[in-house]
C-alpha cells in the first residue's frame, strides 16, 4: 500500500454504527429504566431534587450503569411519587417522611399511579388529610365540643 491509498482510506467518511436499542440516546427501554432527567420530569421535580432525596431516603436506590448514570425502575418511580406526596402535598418534613415510610412501608399499590395520590388506606388507618381539610375538620370538632360543653352547663 502506498501513501496515497492510505490517505484515501483515512479521508473516507466513517460509516455510522448501528445503535442497539438499549444504548440509543433518549430511549428508555423497559429493562434499563428512566434516566434521572426523565424520572424528574415524570415526578415533576428537578433532577437535583432526586439526587438529594437519594441521600436522605435509604430506601431509594436507583440502578447505576458503569458510567455512573442513574436509572430509575418503575418501583423507584412509585417510591418517588410517595416521597413527593409526603413532602410537598402533606407537609411532612424529611425526618417525618422517613418515619412514615419506616412505619408503614412503601406499598406502590396504595398510590394511584396516574395522580400520585394515595388510594384507600389500609384497614384501621385514617386517610391523610391536607392542611385545609385538617383545619376544617378540627374546627368542626371544636364547635361540636363547645356545643356539648354548653349543654352540660359548664360555662
Protein backbone atom coordinates (compact mmCIF):
# COMPACT_ATOMS: atom_id res chain seq x y z
CA UNK A 1 0.00 0.00 0.00
CA UNK A 2 1.43 3.39 -0.91
CA UNK A 3 0.91 6.73 0.80
CA UNK A 4 -1.88 7.93 -1.48
CA UNK A 5 -4.00 4.84 -0.88
CA UNK A 6 -3.53 5.18 2.89
CA UNK A 7 -4.67 8.80 2.80
CA UNK A 8 -7.72 7.82 0.81
CA UNK A 9 -8.63 5.29 3.49
CA UNK A 10 -8.33 7.91 6.22
CA UNK A 11 -10.42 10.52 4.45
CA UNK A 12 -13.36 8.27 3.74
CA UNK A 13 -16.29 9.14 5.96
CA UNK A 14 -16.89 6.70 8.74
CA UNK A 15 -19.97 4.59 8.43
CA UNK A 16 -22.43 5.11 11.26
CA UNK A 17 -22.62 2.20 13.62
CA UNK A 18 -25.96 0.59 14.18
CA UNK A 19 -27.10 1.65 17.63
CA UNK A 20 -28.55 -1.02 19.84
CA UNK A 21 -31.98 -0.43 21.34
CA UNK A 22 -30.70 0.00 24.90
CA UNK A 23 -27.85 2.38 24.08
CA UNK A 24 -29.58 4.82 21.77
CA UNK A 25 -29.84 8.32 23.21
CA UNK A 26 -33.22 9.26 24.57
CA UNK A 27 -34.59 5.75 24.53
CA UNK A 28 -35.99 4.48 27.77
CA UNK A 29 -36.00 0.73 27.44
CA UNK A 30 -38.09 -1.21 29.94
CA UNK A 31 -35.10 -3.19 31.20
CA UNK A 32 -32.98 -0.09 31.72
CA UNK A 33 -35.44 2.30 33.33
CA UNK A 34 -35.60 6.08 33.18
CA UNK A 35 -32.61 8.39 33.30
CA UNK A 36 -32.62 10.92 36.13
CA UNK A 37 -33.88 13.75 33.89
CA UNK A 38 -36.70 11.60 32.55
CA UNK A 39 -37.66 10.44 36.04
CA UNK A 40 -37.57 14.02 37.34
CA UNK A 41 -39.93 15.11 34.57
CA UNK A 42 -42.35 12.26 35.37
CA UNK A 43 -42.31 13.14 39.08
CA UNK A 44 -42.49 16.89 38.49
CA UNK A 45 -39.27 17.96 40.21
CA UNK A 46 -35.75 18.87 39.12
CA UNK A 47 -33.02 16.24 38.78
CA UNK A 48 -31.01 17.70 41.69
CA UNK A 49 -34.00 17.06 43.96
CA UNK A 50 -33.87 13.35 43.13
CA UNK A 51 -30.14 13.29 43.86
CA UNK A 52 -30.79 14.96 47.22
CA UNK A 53 -33.63 12.58 48.08
CA UNK A 54 -31.26 9.67 47.39
CA UNK A 55 -29.05 10.95 50.21
CA UNK A 56 -31.99 11.35 52.60
CA UNK A 57 -34.06 8.20 51.92
CA UNK A 58 -32.14 4.94 52.22
CA UNK A 59 -34.97 3.06 50.51
CA UNK A 60 -34.30 5.00 47.31
CA UNK A 61 -31.60 3.11 45.41
CA UNK A 62 -31.75 3.51 41.62
CA UNK A 63 -29.59 1.28 39.46
CA UNK A 64 -26.31 2.78 38.30
CA UNK A 65 -24.72 1.99 34.96
CA UNK A 66 -20.96 1.52 34.61
CA UNK A 67 -20.94 5.16 33.50
CA UNK A 68 -22.44 6.10 36.92
CA UNK A 69 -25.71 7.22 35.31
CA UNK A 70 -28.79 6.57 37.41
CA UNK A 71 -31.66 4.54 36.01
CA UNK A 72 -34.97 4.55 37.86
CA UNK A 73 -37.12 1.43 37.65
CA UNK A 74 -40.94 1.52 37.96
CA UNK A 75 -40.65 0.65 41.68
CA UNK A 76 -38.32 3.66 42.17
CA UNK A 77 -40.79 5.93 40.36
CA UNK A 78 -43.60 4.82 42.69
CA UNK A 79 -41.34 5.44 45.69
CA UNK A 80 -40.51 8.92 44.38
CA UNK A 81 -44.20 9.69 43.90
CA UNK A 82 -44.85 8.71 47.53
CA UNK A 83 -41.93 10.83 48.77
CA UNK A 84 -43.10 13.83 46.74
CA UNK A 85 -46.66 13.43 48.05
CA UNK A 86 -45.47 13.22 51.65
CA UNK A 87 -43.12 16.21 51.38
CA UNK A 88 -44.95 18.54 49.02
CA UNK A 89 -48.64 17.80 49.46
CA UNK A 90 -48.95 16.53 53.03
CA UNK A 91 -46.31 18.82 54.53
CA UNK A 92 -44.10 16.15 56.10
CA UNK A 93 -40.52 17.01 57.00
CA UNK A 94 -37.84 14.72 55.61
CA UNK A 95 -37.49 13.11 59.04
CA UNK A 96 -41.28 12.71 59.25
CA UNK A 97 -41.48 11.20 55.78
CA UNK A 98 -38.68 8.77 56.66
CA UNK A 99 -40.54 7.79 59.84
CA UNK A 100 -43.79 7.33 57.90
CA UNK A 101 -42.05 5.11 55.35
CA UNK A 102 -40.30 3.15 58.09
CA UNK A 103 -43.56 2.54 59.97
CA UNK A 104 -45.90 2.00 57.01
CA UNK A 105 -43.52 0.75 54.37
CA UNK A 106 -43.83 1.55 50.72
CA UNK A 107 -46.70 -0.12 49.01
CA UNK A 108 -46.99 1.08 45.41
CA UNK A 109 -50.49 -0.40 45.24
CA UNK A 110 -51.57 2.31 47.71
CA UNK A 111 -50.51 5.03 45.30
CA UNK A 112 -52.68 5.87 42.33
CA UNK A 113 -50.06 5.87 39.56
CA UNK A 114 -51.98 8.36 37.43
CA UNK A 115 -52.29 11.05 40.08
CA UNK A 116 -49.67 10.05 42.63
CA UNK A 117 -52.35 10.22 45.32
CA UNK A 118 -52.86 7.60 47.95
CA UNK A 119 -55.60 5.12 47.24
CA UNK A 120 -57.90 3.91 50.01
CA UNK A 121 -55.85 3.48 53.19
CA UNK A 122 -55.38 0.03 54.69
CA UNK A 123 -57.99 -1.08 57.23
CA UNK A 124 -57.53 0.60 60.59
CA UNK A 125 -55.66 3.63 59.24
CA UNK A 126 -57.23 7.03 58.80
CA UNK A 127 -56.73 8.73 55.44
CA UNK A 128 -54.18 11.53 55.40
CA UNK A 129 -55.78 14.96 55.08
CA UNK A 130 -54.20 18.01 53.58
CA UNK A 131 -53.79 21.11 55.75
CA UNK A 132 -57.03 22.87 54.74
CA UNK A 133 -59.09 19.69 55.22
CA UNK A 134 -57.44 19.12 58.59
CA UNK A 135 -58.19 22.66 59.75
CA UNK A 136 -61.79 22.37 58.62
CA UNK A 137 -62.24 19.04 60.39
CA UNK A 138 -60.63 20.34 63.59
CA UNK A 139 -62.80 23.48 63.55
CA UNK A 140 -65.91 21.30 63.23
CA UNK A 141 -64.78 19.08 66.12
CA UNK A 142 -64.15 22.19 68.24
CA UNK A 143 -67.63 23.56 67.52
CA UNK A 144 -69.14 20.21 68.46
CA UNK A 145 -67.17 20.10 71.71
CA UNK A 146 -68.19 23.67 72.58
CA UNK A 147 -71.84 22.75 71.97
CA UNK A 148 -71.53 19.72 74.25
CA UNK A 149 -69.82 21.87 76.86
CA UNK A 150 -72.73 24.35 76.82
CA UNK A 151 -75.29 21.54 77.00
CA UNK A 152 -73.63 20.21 80.12
CA UNK A 153 -73.90 23.66 81.68
CA UNK A 154 -70.22 24.08 82.37
CA UNK A 155 -69.77 27.67 81.26
